[in-house]
Amino acid sequence: MLGSGIGGALRFLTGKGMSHFGLNFPLGTLTANIAGCLLIGLFCAWSQKGAVSPEVKLMLTVGLCGGFTTFSTFSNENLTFLSNGQWGMFALYTGISLALGIGAVWLGWTLGK
């Protein structure tokens, strides 16, 4: 519960921080998702090395990362793009999110090892 609360607060701050760029693109959600992917990779690698206990791993992955990342918002934003006929924005946003997300998890694992 503590991790989720912190993650949610960080997600809010990330969205606010990215909103000042004034882009017509969900940069706050993208940033939270990519950063969350990096963090979950780090936390899982640390857990595998025994650097954190299983309980701390759960707090960090399920709690913090679960409260911070916003896949449901990502999905809703993509549905909005599709509903508005913005196929290019849908493809761009989905492609960037998946490619950078998978890359960030790999980087997190690599850095954590």
PDB file of N, CA and C in Angstrom:
ATOM      1  N   MET A   1       0.824  -1.182   0.000  1.00  0.00           N
ATOM      2  CA  MET A   1       0.000   0.000   0.000  1.00  0.00           C
ATOM      3  C   MET A   1       0.879   1.261   0.000  1.00  0.00           C
ATOM      4  N   LEU A   2       1.947   1.231   0.768  1.00  0.00           N
ATOM      5  CA  LEU A   2       2.862   2.373   0.811  1.00  0.00           C
ATOM      6  C   LEU A   2       3.493   2.601  -0.561  1.00  0.00           C
ATOM      7  N   GLY A   3       3.981   1.506  -1.177  1.00  0.00           N
ATOM      8  CA  GLY A   3       4.596   1.618  -2.496  1.00  0.00           C
ATOM      9  C   GLY A   3       3.631   2.172  -3.526  1.00  0.00           C
ATOM     10  N   SER A   4       2.388   1.710  -3.507  1.00  0.00           N
ATOM     11  CA  SER A   4       1.389   2.161  -4.462  1.00  0.00           C
ATOM     12  C   SER A   4       1.074   3.644  -4.285  1.00  0.00           C
ATOM     13  N   GLY A   5       0.991   4.088  -3.052  1.00  0.00           N
ATOM     14  CA  GLY A   5       0.742   5.507  -2.785  1.00  0.00           C
ATOM     15  C   GLY A   5       1.869   6.386  -3.291  1.00  0.00           C
ATOM     16  N   ILE A   6       3.095   5.950  -3.042  1.00  0.00           N
ATOM     17  CA  ILE A   6       4.261   6.705  -3.530  1.00  0.00           C
ATOM     18  C   ILE A   6       4.280   6.695  -5.053  1.00  0.00           C
ATOM     19  N   GLY A   7       4.012   5.520  -5.647  1.00  0.00           N
ATOM     20  CA  GLY A   7       3.982   5.421  -7.103  1.00  0.00           C
ATOM     21  C   GLY A   7       2.935   6.317  -7.724  1.00  0.00           C
ATOM     22  N   GLY A   8       1.761   6.350  -7.121  1.00  0.00           N
ATOM     23  CA  GLY A   8       0.689   7.213  -7.631  1.00  0.00           C
ATOM     24  C   GLY A   8       1.057   8.686  -7.553  1.00  0.00           C
ATOM     25  N   ALA A   9       1.679   9.080  -6.454  1.00  0.00           N
ATOM     26  CA  ALA A   9       2.106  10.475  -6.314  1.00  0.00           C
ATOM     27  C   ALA A   9       3.183  10.818  -7.339  1.00  0.00           C
ATOM     28  N   LEU A  10       4.114   9.885  -7.553  1.00  0.00           N
ATOM     29  CA  LEU A  10       5.150  10.116  -8.560  1.00  0.00           C
ATOM     30  C   LEU A  10       4.560  10.205  -9.965  1.00  0.00           C
ATOM     31  N   ARG A  11       3.534   9.395 -10.227  1.00  0.00           N
ATOM     32  CA  ARG A  11       2.877   9.438 -11.539  1.00  0.00           C
ATOM     33  C   ARG A  11       2.225  10.798 -11.760  1.00  0.00           C
ATOM     34  N   PHE A  12       1.558  11.308 -10.734  1.00  0.00           N
ATOM     35  CA  PHE A  12       0.920  12.627 -10.827  1.00  0.00           C
ATOM     36  C   PHE A  12       1.962  13.705 -11.117  1.00  0.00           C
ATOM     37  N   LEU A  13       3.067  13.660 -10.378  1.00  0.00           N
ATOM     38  CA  LEU A  13       4.123  14.657 -10.561  1.00  0.00           C
ATOM     39  C   LEU A  13       4.777  14.548 -11.936  1.00  0.00           C
ATOM     40  N   THR A  14       4.926  13.342 -12.429  1.00  0.00           N
ATOM     41  CA  THR A  14       5.485  13.136 -13.769  1.00  0.00           C
ATOM     42  C   THR A  14       4.574  13.753 -14.824  1.00  0.00           C
ATOM     43  N   GLY A  15       3.289  13.515 -14.707  1.00  0.00           N
ATOM     44  CA  GLY A  15       2.330  14.090 -15.648  1.00  0.00           C
ATOM     45  C   GLY A  15       2.348  15.605 -15.621  1.00  0.00           C
ATOM     46  N   LYS A  16       2.383  16.159 -14.440  1.00  0.00           N
ATOM     47  CA  LYS A  16       2.437  17.615 -14.301  1.00  0.00           C
ATOM     48  C   LYS A  16       3.731  18.169 -14.881  1.00  0.00           C
ATOM     49  N   GLY A  17       4.832  17.478 -14.613  1.00  0.00           N
ATOM     50  CA  GLY A  17       6.125  17.938 -15.107  1.00  0.00           C
ATOM     51  C   GLY A  17       6.222  17.928 -16.620  1.00  0.00           C
ATOM     52  N   MET A  18       5.622  16.936 -17.240  1.00  0.00           N
ATOM     53  CA  MET A  18       5.684  16.821 -18.691  1.00  0.00           C
ATOM     54  C   MET A  18       4.669  17.711 -19.393  1.00  0.00           C
ATOM     55  N   SER A  19       3.648  18.160 -18.682  1.00  0.00           N
ATOM     56  CA  SER A  19       2.579  18.949 -19.310  1.00  0.00           C
ATOM     57  C   SER A  19       3.067  20.323 -19.762  1.00  0.00           C
ATOM     58  N   HIS A  20       4.157  20.793 -19.202  1.00  0.00           N
ATOM     59  CA  HIS A  20       4.619  22.130 -19.582  1.00  0.00           C
ATOM     60  C   HIS A  20       5.229  22.167 -20.983  1.00  0.00           C
ATOM     61  N   PHE A  21       5.444  20.995 -21.611  1.00  0.00           N
ATOM     62  CA  PHE A  21       5.951  20.973 -22.975  1.00  0.00           C
ATOM     63  C   PHE A  21       4.873  21.353 -23.983  1.00  0.00           C
ATOM     64  N   GLY A  22       3.601  21.282 -23.580  1.00  0.00           N
ATOM     65  CA  GLY A  22       2.495  21.727 -24.409  1.00  0.00           C
ATOM     66  C   GLY A  22       2.305  20.945 -25.696  1.00  0.00           C
ATOM     67  N   LEU A  23       2.724  19.693 -25.715  1.00  0.00           N
ATOM     68  CA  LEU A  23       2.566  18.874 -26.913  1.00  0.00           C
ATOM     69  C   LEU A  23       1.186  18.223 -26.935  1.00  0.00           C
ATOM     70  N   ASN A  24       0.678  17.982 -28.099  1.00  0.00           N
ATOM     71  CA  ASN A  24      -0.584  17.247 -28.238  1.00  0.00           C
ATOM     72  C   ASN A  24      -0.260  15.760 -28.310  1.00  0.00           C
ATOM     73  N   PHE A  25       0.445  15.289 -27.313  1.00  0.00           N
ATOM     74  CA  PHE A  25       0.928  13.909 -27.235  1.00  0.00           C
ATOM     75  C   PHE A  25       1.014  13.553 -25.753  1.00  0.00           C
ATOM     76  N   PRO A  26       0.600  12.362 -25.359  1.00  0.00           N
ATOM     77  CA  PRO A  26       0.593  11.980 -23.935  1.00  0.00           C
ATOM     78  C   PRO A  26       2.002  11.680 -23.402  1.00  0.00           C
ATOM     79  N   LEU A  27       2.829  12.710 -23.351  1.00  0.00           N
ATOM     80  CA  LEU A  27       4.220  12.560 -22.943  1.00  0.00           C
ATOM     81  C   LEU A  27       4.358  12.140 -21.479  1.00  0.00           C
ATOM     82  N   GLY A  28       3.481  12.591 -20.610  1.00  0.00           N
ATOM     83  CA  GLY A  28       3.535  12.202 -19.198  1.00  0.00           C
ATOM     84  C   GLY A  28       3.320  10.712 -19.017  1.00  0.00           C
ATOM     85  N   THR A  29       2.334  10.170 -19.719  1.00  0.00           N
ATOM     86  CA  THR A  29       2.067   8.733 -19.638  1.00  0.00           C
ATOM     87  C   THR A  29       3.218   7.939 -20.220  1.00  0.00           C
ATOM     88  N   LEU A  30       3.718   8.374 -21.367  1.00  0.00           N
ATOM     89  CA  LEU A  30       4.846   7.693 -21.995  1.00  0.00           C
ATOM     90  C   LEU A  30       6.055   7.690 -21.067  1.00  0.00           C
ATOM     91  N   THR A  31       6.359   8.818 -20.469  1.00  0.00           N
ATOM     92  CA  THR A  31       7.500   8.932 -19.555  1.00  0.00           C
ATOM     93  C   THR A  31       7.326   8.016 -18.347  1.00  0.00           C
ATOM     94  N   ALA A  32       6.130   8.016 -17.755  1.00  0.00           N
ATOM     95  CA  ALA A  32       5.874   7.154 -16.595  1.00  0.00           C
ATOM     96  C   ALA A  32       6.018   5.682 -16.966  1.00  0.00           C
ATOM     97  N   ASN A  33       5.472   5.288 -18.121  1.00  0.00           N
ATOM     98  CA  ASN A  33       5.561   3.891 -18.521  1.00  0.00           C
ATOM     99  C   ASN A  33       6.995   3.458 -18.781  1.00  0.00           C
ATOM    100  N   ILE A  34       7.783   4.283 -19.449  1.00  0.00           N
ATOM    101  CA  ILE A  34       9.170   3.916 -19.749  1.00  0.00           C
ATOM    102  C   ILE A  34       9.998   3.905 -18.464  1.00  0.00           C
ATOM    103  N   ALA A  35       9.834   4.908 -17.622  1.00  0.00           N
ATOM    104  CA  ALA A  35      10.567   4.928 -16.349  1.00  0.00           C
ATOM    105  C   ALA A  35      10.162   3.747 -15.473  1.00  0.00           C
ATOM    106  N   GLY A  36       8.869   3.420 -15.462  1.00  0.00           N
ATOM    107  CA  GLY A  36       8.395   2.266 -14.689  1.00  0.00           C
ATOM    108  C   GLY A  36       8.981   0.966 -15.194  1.00  0.00           C
ATOM    109  N   CYS A  37       9.115   0.845 -16.510  1.00  0.00           N
ATOM    110  CA  CYS A  37       9.745  -0.350 -17.086  1.00  0.00           C
ATOM    111  C   CYS A  37      11.206  -0.454 -16.655  1.00  0.00           C
ATOM    112  N   LEU A  38      11.918   0.664 -16.676  1.00  0.00           N
ATOM    113  CA  LEU A  38      13.307   0.672 -16.217  1.00  0.00           C
ATOM    114  C   LEU A  38      13.393   0.258 -14.752  1.00  0.00           C
ATOM    115  N   LEU A  39      12.532   0.837 -13.925  1.00  0.00           N
ATOM    116  CA  LEU A  39      12.552   0.535 -12.497  1.00  0.00           C
ATOM    117  C   LEU A  39      12.215  -0.922 -12.204  1.00  0.00           C
ATOM    118  N   ILE A  40      11.210  -1.460 -12.886  1.00  0.00           N
ATOM    119  CA  ILE A  40      10.837  -2.846 -12.608  1.00  0.00           C
ATOM    120  C   ILE A  40      11.964  -3.790 -13.017  1.00  0.00           C
ATOM    121  N   GLY A  41      12.681  -3.447 -14.081  1.00  0.00           N
ATOM    122  CA  GLY A  41      13.845  -4.239 -14.469  1.00  0.00           C
ATOM    123  C   GLY A  41      14.926  -4.209 -13.405  1.00  0.00           C
ATOM    124  N   LEU A  42      15.207  -3.023 -12.880  1.00  0.00           N
ATOM    125  CA  LEU A  42      16.192  -2.897 -11.800  1.00  0.00           C
ATOM    126  C   LEU A  42      15.780  -3.698 -10.571  1.00  0.00           C
ATOM    127  N   PHE A  43      14.529  -3.532 -10.150  1.00  0.00           N
ATOM    128  CA  PHE A  43      14.062  -4.190  -8.936  1.00  0.00           C
ATOM    129  C   PHE A  43      14.093  -5.711  -9.068  1.00  0.00           C
ATOM    130  N   CYS A  44      13.719  -6.215 -10.229  1.00  0.00           N
ATOM    131  CA  CYS A  44      13.741  -7.672 -10.443  1.00  0.00           C
ATOM    132  C   CYS A  44      15.164  -8.205 -10.460  1.00  0.00           C
ATOM    133  N   ALA A  45      16.068  -7.472 -11.077  1.00  0.00           N
ATOM    134  CA  ALA A  45      17.472  -7.898 -11.097  1.00  0.00           C
ATOM    135  C   ALA A  45      18.054  -7.886  -9.685  1.00  0.00           C
ATOM    136  N   TRP A  46      17.749  -6.844  -8.924  1.00  0.00           N
ATOM    137  CA  TRP A  46      18.257  -6.776  -7.547  1.00  0.00           C
ATOM    138  C   TRP A  46      17.707  -7.926  -6.717  1.00  0.00           C
ATOM    139  N   SER A  47      16.443  -8.244  -6.925  1.00  0.00           N
ATOM    140  CA  SER A  47      15.837  -9.341  -6.184  1.00  0.00           C
ATOM    141  C   SER A  47      16.495 -10.664  -6.542  1.00  0.00           C
ATOM    142  N   GLN A  48      16.771 -10.857  -7.811  1.00  0.00           N
ATOM    143  CA  GLN A  48      17.405 -12.097  -8.260  1.00  0.00           C
ATOM    144  C   GLN A  48      18.795 -12.254  -7.642  1.00  0.00           C
ATOM    145  N   LYS A  49      19.486 -11.132  -7.439  1.00  0.00           N
ATOM    146  CA  LYS A  49      20.811 -11.159  -6.810  1.00  0.00           C
ATOM    147  C   LYS A  49      20.729 -11.300  -5.296  1.00  0.00           C
ATOM    148  N   GLY A  50      19.537 -11.205  -4.743  1.00  0.00           N
ATOM    149  CA  GLY A  50      19.371 -11.281  -3.297  1.00  0.00           C
ATOM    150  C   GLY A  50      19.584  -9.957  -2.593  1.00  0.00           C
ATOM    151  N   ALA A  51      19.643  -8.863  -3.364  1.00  0.00           N
ATOM    152  CA  ALA A  51      19.877  -7.544  -2.778  1.00  0.00           C
ATOM    153  C   ALA A  51      18.654  -7.007  -2.045  1.00  0.00           C
ATOM    154  N   VAL A  52      17.466  -7.492  -2.414  1.00  0.00           N
ATOM    155  CA  VAL A  52      16.234  -7.112  -1.716  1.00  0.00           C
ATOM    156  C   VAL A  52      15.448  -8.376  -1.413  1.00  0.00           C
ATOM    157  N   SER A  53      14.702  -8.340  -0.353  1.00  0.00           N
ATOM    158  CA  SER A  53      13.891  -9.496   0.048  1.00  0.00           C
ATOM    159  C   SER A  53      12.684  -9.631  -0.879  1.00  0.00           C
ATOM    160  N   PRO A  54      12.054 -10.811  -0.877  1.00  0.00           N
ATOM    161  CA  PRO A  54      10.834 -10.969  -1.686  1.00  0.00           C
ATOM    162  C   PRO A  54       9.738  -9.967  -1.308  1.00  0.00           C
ATOM    163  N   GLU A  55       9.654  -9.623  -0.032  1.00  0.00           N
ATOM    164  CA  GLU A  55       8.641  -8.658   0.410  1.00  0.00           C
ATOM    165  C   GLU A  55       8.938  -7.258  -0.141  1.00  0.00           C
ATOM    166  N   VAL A  56      10.192  -6.867  -0.111  1.00  0.00           N
ATOM    167  CA  VAL A  56      10.568  -5.554  -0.651  1.00  0.00           C
ATOM    168  C   VAL A  56      10.375  -5.538  -2.166  1.00  0.00           C
ATOM    169  N   LYS A  57      10.705  -6.654  -2.810  1.00  0.00           N
ATOM    170  CA  LYS A  57      10.476  -6.743  -4.260  1.00  0.00           C
ATOM    171  C   LYS A  57       9.004  -6.517  -4.576  1.00  0.00           C
ATOM    172  N   LEU A  58       8.113  -7.151  -3.837  1.00  0.00           N
ATOM    173  CA  LEU A  58       6.681  -6.955  -4.062  1.00  0.00           C
ATOM    174  C   LEU A  58       6.264  -5.503  -3.846  1.00  0.00           C
ATOM    175  N   MET A  59       6.792  -4.879  -2.796  1.00  0.00           N
ATOM    176  CA  MET A  59       6.452  -3.484  -2.535  1.00  0.00           C
ATOM    177  C   MET A  59       6.904  -2.601  -3.696  1.00  0.00           C
ATOM    178  N   LEU A  60       8.107  -2.886  -4.225  1.00  0.00           N
ATOM    179  CA  LEU A  60       8.649  -2.051  -5.291  1.00  0.00           C
ATOM    180  C   LEU A  60       8.013  -2.326  -6.650  1.00  0.00           C
ATOM    181  N   THR A  61       7.763  -3.596  -6.954  1.00  0.00           N
ATOM    182  CA  THR A  61       7.224  -3.925  -8.280  1.00  0.00           C
ATOM    183  C   THR A  61       5.704  -3.772  -8.334  1.00  0.00           C
ATOM    184  N   VAL A  62       5.001  -4.473  -7.455  1.00  0.00           N
ATOM    185  CA  VAL A  62       3.538  -4.406  -7.459  1.00  0.00           C
ATOM    186  C   VAL A  62       3.069  -3.058  -6.922  1.00  0.00           C
ATOM    187  N   GLY A  63       3.680  -2.601  -5.850  1.00  0.00           N
ATOM    188  CA  GLY A  63       3.264  -1.347  -5.225  1.00  0.00           C
ATOM    189  C   GLY A  63       3.728  -0.116  -5.987  1.00  0.00           C
ATOM    190  N   LEU A  64       5.025   0.163  -5.904  1.00  0.00           N
ATOM    191  CA  LEU A  64       5.567   1.391  -6.499  1.00  0.00           C
ATOM    192  C   LEU A  64       5.350   1.431  -8.009  1.00  0.00           C
ATOM    193  N   CYS A  65       5.805   0.404  -8.720  1.00  0.00           N
ATOM    194  CA  CYS A  65       5.667   0.405 -10.184  1.00  0.00           C
ATOM    195  C   CYS A  65       4.207   0.315 -10.606  1.00  0.00           C
ATOM    196  N   GLY A  66       3.409  -0.458  -9.862  1.00  0.00           N
ATOM    197  CA  GLY A  66       1.982  -0.556 -10.177  1.00  0.00           C
ATOM    198  C   GLY A  66       1.258   0.761 -10.002  1.00  0.00           C
ATOM    199  N   GLY A  67       1.634   1.517  -8.978  1.00  0.00           N
ATOM    200  CA  GLY A  67       1.019   2.822  -8.766  1.00  0.00           C
ATOM    201  C   GLY A  67       1.562   3.888  -9.705  1.00  0.00           C
ATOM    202  N   PHE A  68       2.772   3.689 -10.202  1.00  0.00           N
ATOM    203  CA  PHE A  68       3.438   4.690 -11.048  1.00  0.00           C
ATOM    204  C   PHE A  68       3.103   4.531 -12.520  1.00  0.00           C
ATOM    205  N   THR A  69       3.143   3.315 -13.029  1.00  0.00           N
ATOM    206  CA  THR A  69       2.898   3.124 -14.454  1.00  0.00           C
ATOM    207  C   THR A  69       1.408   3.201 -14.743  1.00  0.00           C
ATOM    208  N   THR A  70       1.104   3.474 -15.962  1.00  0.00           N
ATOM    209  CA  THR A  70      -0.268   3.829 -16.294  1.00  0.00           C
ATOM    210  C   THR A  70      -0.733   3.129 -17.571  1.00  0.00           C
ATOM    211  N   PHE A  71      -0.638   1.818 -17.581  1.00  0.00           N
ATOM    212  CA  PHE A  71      -1.009   1.106 -18.794  1.00  0.00           C
ATOM    213  C   PHE A  71      -2.484   1.292 -19.122  1.00  0.00           C
ATOM    214  N   SER A  72      -3.314   1.388 -18.104  1.00  0.00           N
ATOM    215  CA  SER A  72      -4.736   1.604 -18.394  1.00  0.00           C
ATOM    216  C   SER A  72      -4.950   2.968 -19.044  1.00  0.00           C
ATOM    217  N   THR A  73      -4.241   3.965 -18.604  1.00  0.00           N
ATOM    218  CA  THR A  73      -4.329   5.281 -19.234  1.00  0.00           C
ATOM    219  C   THR A  73      -3.784   5.217 -20.658  1.00  0.00           C
ATOM    220  N   PHE A  74      -2.684   4.508 -20.824  1.00  0.00           N
ATOM    221  CA  PHE A  74      -2.100   4.299 -22.152  1.00  0.00           C
ATOM    222  C   PHE A  74      -3.125   3.676 -23.098  1.00  0.00           C
ATOM    223  N   SER A  75      -3.810   2.657 -22.630  1.00  0.00           N
ATOM    224  CA  SER A  75      -4.803   1.986 -23.461  1.00  0.00           C
ATOM    225  C   SER A  75      -5.962   2.915 -23.792  1.00  0.00           C
ATOM    226  N   ASN A  76      -6.407   3.684 -22.825  1.00  0.00           N
ATOM    227  CA  ASN A  76      -7.506   4.624 -23.056  1.00  0.00           C
ATOM    228  C   ASN A  76      -7.102   5.712 -24.050  1.00  0.00           C
ATOM    229  N   GLU A  77      -5.881   6.209 -23.931  1.00  0.00           N
ATOM    230  CA  GLU A  77      -5.407   7.229 -24.863  1.00  0.00           C
ATOM    231  C   GLU A  77      -5.331   6.672 -26.282  1.00  0.00           C
ATOM    232  N   ASN A  78      -4.906   5.409 -26.401  1.00  0.00           N
ATOM    233  CA  ASN A  78      -4.858   4.788 -27.726  1.00  0.00           C
ATOM    234  C   ASN A  78      -6.259   4.601 -28.307  1.00  0.00           C
ATOM    235  N   LEU A  79      -7.211   4.231 -27.466  1.00  0.00           N
ATOM    236  CA  LEU A  79      -8.587   4.107 -27.928  1.00  0.00           C
ATOM    237  C   LEU A  79      -9.107   5.459 -28.422  1.00  0.00           C
ATOM    238  N   THR A  80      -8.734   6.525 -27.736  1.00  0.00           N
ATOM    239  CA  THR A  80      -9.130   7.871 -28.166  1.00  0.00           C
ATOM    240  C   THR A  80      -8.529   8.200 -29.525  1.00  0.00           C
ATOM    241  N   PHE A  81      -7.245   7.889 -29.708  1.00  0.00           N
ATOM    242  CA  PHE A  81      -6.627   8.102 -31.018  1.00  0.00           C
ATOM    243  C   PHE A  81      -7.393   7.348 -32.104  1.00  0.00           C
ATOM    244  N   LEU A  82      -7.698   6.075 -31.845  1.00  0.00           N
ATOM    245  CA  LEU A  82      -8.421   5.263 -32.824  1.00  0.00           C
ATOM    246  C   LEU A  82      -9.827   5.803 -33.081  1.00  0.00           C
ATOM    247  N   SER A  83     -10.523   6.199 -32.017  1.00  0.00           N
ATOM    248  CA  SER A  83     -11.881   6.730 -32.145  1.00  0.00           C
ATOM    249  C   SER A  83     -11.909   8.021 -32.959  1.00  0.00           C
ATOM    250  N   ASN A  84     -10.823   8.784 -32.884  1.00  0.00           N
ATOM    251  CA  ASN A  84     -10.737  10.044 -33.622  1.00  0.00           C
ATOM    252  C   ASN A  84     -10.109   9.872 -35.001  1.00  0.00           C
ATOM    253  N   GLY A  85      -9.837   8.626 -35.375  1.00  0.00           N
ATOM    254  CA  GLY A  85      -9.249   8.369 -36.679  1.00  0.00           C
ATOM    255  C   GLY A  85      -7.785   8.764 -36.791  1.00  0.00           C
ATOM    256  N   GLN A  86      -7.120   8.923 -35.657  1.00  0.00           N
ATOM    257  CA  GLN A  86      -5.712   9.328 -35.642  1.00  0.00           C
ATOM    258  C   GLN A  86      -4.819   8.077 -35.644  1.00  0.00           C
ATOM    259  N   TRP A  87      -4.841   7.375 -36.771  1.00  0.00           N
ATOM    260  CA  TRP A  87      -4.109   6.118 -36.896  1.00  0.00           C
ATOM    261  C   TRP A  87      -2.602   6.315 -36.768  1.00  0.00           C
ATOM    262  N   GLY A  88      -2.106   7.409 -37.295  1.00  0.00           N
ATOM    263  CA  GLY A  88      -0.668   7.690 -37.209  1.00  0.00           C
ATOM    264  C   GLY A  88      -0.217   7.906 -35.774  1.00  0.00           C
ATOM    265  N   MET A  89      -0.987   8.684 -35.014  1.00  0.00           N
ATOM    266  CA  MET A  89      -0.647   8.911 -33.603  1.00  0.00           C
ATOM    267  C   MET A  89      -0.747   7.608 -32.814  1.00  0.00           C
ATOM    268  N   PHE A  90      -1.772   6.802 -33.125  1.00  0.00           N
ATOM    269  CA  PHE A  90      -1.913   5.499 -32.473  1.00  0.00           C
ATOM    270  C   PHE A  90      -0.678   4.644 -32.724  1.00  0.00           C
ATOM    271  N   ALA A  91      -0.274   4.537 -33.977  1.00  0.00           N
ATOM    272  CA  ALA A  91       0.881   3.703 -34.337  1.00  0.00           C
ATOM    273  C   ALA A  91       2.166   4.246 -33.711  1.00  0.00           C
ATOM    274  N   LEU A  92       2.343   5.554 -33.755  1.00  0.00           N
ATOM    275  CA  LEU A  92       3.547   6.171 -33.189  1.00  0.00           C
ATOM    276  C   LEU A  92       3.622   5.941 -31.686  1.00  0.00           C
ATOM    277  N   TYR A  93       2.551   6.242 -30.993  1.00  0.00           N
ATOM    278  CA  TYR A  93       2.520   6.115 -29.540  1.00  0.00           C
ATOM    279  C   TYR A  93       2.709   4.664 -29.096  1.00  0.00           C
ATOM    280  N   THR A  94       2.002   3.736 -29.749  1.00  0.00           N
ATOM    281  CA  THR A  94       2.130   2.331 -29.396  1.00  0.00           C
ATOM    282  C   THR A  94       3.530   1.813 -29.705  1.00  0.00           C
ATOM    283  N   GLY A  95       4.050   2.150 -30.867  1.00  0.00           N
ATOM    284  CA  GLY A  95       5.385   1.697 -31.254  1.00  0.00           C
ATOM    285  C   GLY A  95       6.474   2.206 -30.330  1.00  0.00           C
ATOM    286  N   ILE A  96       6.431   3.505 -30.042  1.00  0.00           N
ATOM    287  CA  ILE A  96       7.431   4.089 -29.137  1.00  0.00           C
ATOM    288  C   ILE A  96       7.319   3.459 -27.752  1.00  0.00           C
ATOM    289  N   SER A  97       6.107   3.326 -27.247  1.00  0.00           N
ATOM    290  CA  SER A  97       5.911   2.775 -25.901  1.00  0.00           C
ATOM    291  C   SER A  97       6.441   1.349 -25.792  1.00  0.00           C
ATOM    292  N   LEU A  98       6.125   0.519 -26.761  1.00  0.00           N
ATOM    293  CA  LEU A  98       6.576  -0.876 -26.708  1.00  0.00           C
ATOM    294  C   LEU A  98       8.087  -0.990 -26.884  1.00  0.00           C
ATOM    295  N   ALA A  99       8.626  -0.313 -27.883  1.00  0.00           N
ATOM    296  CA  ALA A  99      10.064  -0.411 -28.142  1.00  0.00           C
ATOM    297  C   ALA A  99      10.885   0.129 -26.973  1.00  0.00           C
ATOM    298  N   LEU A 100      10.538   1.313 -26.503  1.00  0.00           N
ATOM    299  CA  LEU A 100      11.295   1.903 -25.390  1.00  0.00           C
ATOM    300  C   LEU A 100      11.032   1.165 -24.082  1.00  0.00           C
ATOM    301  N   GLY A 101       9.814   0.677 -23.894  1.00  0.00           N
ATOM    302  CA  GLY A 101       9.492  -0.065 -22.672  1.00  0.00           C
ATOM    303  C   GLY A 101      10.303  -1.346 -22.563  1.00  0.00           C
ATOM    304  N   ILE A 102      10.329  -2.117 -23.634  1.00  0.00           N
ATOM    305  CA  ILE A 102      11.111  -3.358 -23.621  1.00  0.00           C
ATOM    306  C   ILE A 102      12.591  -3.044 -23.475  1.00  0.00           C
ATOM    307  N   GLY A 103      13.049  -2.021 -24.172  1.00  0.00           N
ATOM    308  CA  GLY A 103      14.452  -1.607 -24.036  1.00  0.00           C
ATOM    309  C   GLY A 103      14.792  -1.144 -22.637  1.00  0.00           C
ATOM    310  N   ALA A 104      13.871  -0.439 -21.998  1.00  0.00           N
ATOM    311  CA  ALA A 104      14.116   0.054 -20.646  1.00  0.00           C
ATOM    312  C   ALA A 104      14.153  -1.085 -19.631  1.00  0.00           C
ATOM    313  N   VAL A 105      13.284  -2.083 -19.800  1.00  0.00           N
ATOM    314  CA  VAL A 105      13.333  -3.243 -18.902  1.00  0.00           C
ATOM    315  C   VAL A 105      14.668  -3.959 -19.061  1.00  0.00           C
ATOM    316  N   TRP A 106      15.106  -4.147 -20.297  1.00  0.00           N
ATOM    317  CA  TRP A 106      16.415  -4.775 -20.541  1.00  0.00           C
ATOM    318  C   TRP A 106      17.530  -3.958 -19.888  1.00  0.00           C
ATOM    319  N   LEU A 107      17.491  -2.629 -20.055  1.00  0.00           N
ATOM    320  CA  LEU A 107      18.513  -1.763 -19.461  1.00  0.00           C
ATOM    321  C   LEU A 107      18.476  -1.862 -17.931  1.00  0.00           C
ATOM    322  N   GLY A 108      17.292  -1.887 -17.367  1.00  0.00           N
ATOM    323  CA  GLY A 108      17.164  -2.028 -15.911  1.00  0.00           C
ATOM    324  C   GLY A 108      17.783  -3.327 -15.424  1.00  0.00           C
ATOM    325  N   TRP A 109      17.482  -4.430 -16.114  1.00  0.00           N
ATOM    326  CA  TRP A 109      18.079  -5.713 -15.749  1.00  0.00           C
ATOM    327  C   TRP A 109      19.603  -5.657 -15.868  1.00  0.00           C
ATOM    328  N   THR A 110      20.081  -5.053 -16.960  1.00  0.00           N
ATOM    329  CA  THR A 110      21.515  -4.966 -17.197  1.00  0.00           C
ATOM    330  C   THR A 110      22.189  -4.127 -16.124  1.00  0.00           C
ATOM    331  N   LEU A 111      21.620  -2.982 -15.807  1.00  0.00           N
ATOM    332  CA  LEU A 111      22.185  -2.122 -14.767  1.00  0.00           C
ATOM    333  C   LEU A 111      22.108  -2.780 -13.397  1.00  0.00           C
ATOM    334  N   GLY A 112      21.025  -3.514 -13.157  1.00  0.00           N
ATOM    335  CA  GLY A 112      20.844  -4.173 -11.867  1.00  0.00           C
ATOM    336  C   GLY A 112      21.801  -5.316 -11.624  1.00  0.00           C
ATOM    337  N   LYS A 113      22.297  -5.920 -12.689  1.00  0.00           N
ATOM    338  CA  LYS A 113      23.225  -7.028 -12.547  1.00  0.00           C
ATOM    339  C   LYS A 113      24.601  -6.504 -12.269  1.00  0.00           C
TER     340      LYS A 113
END
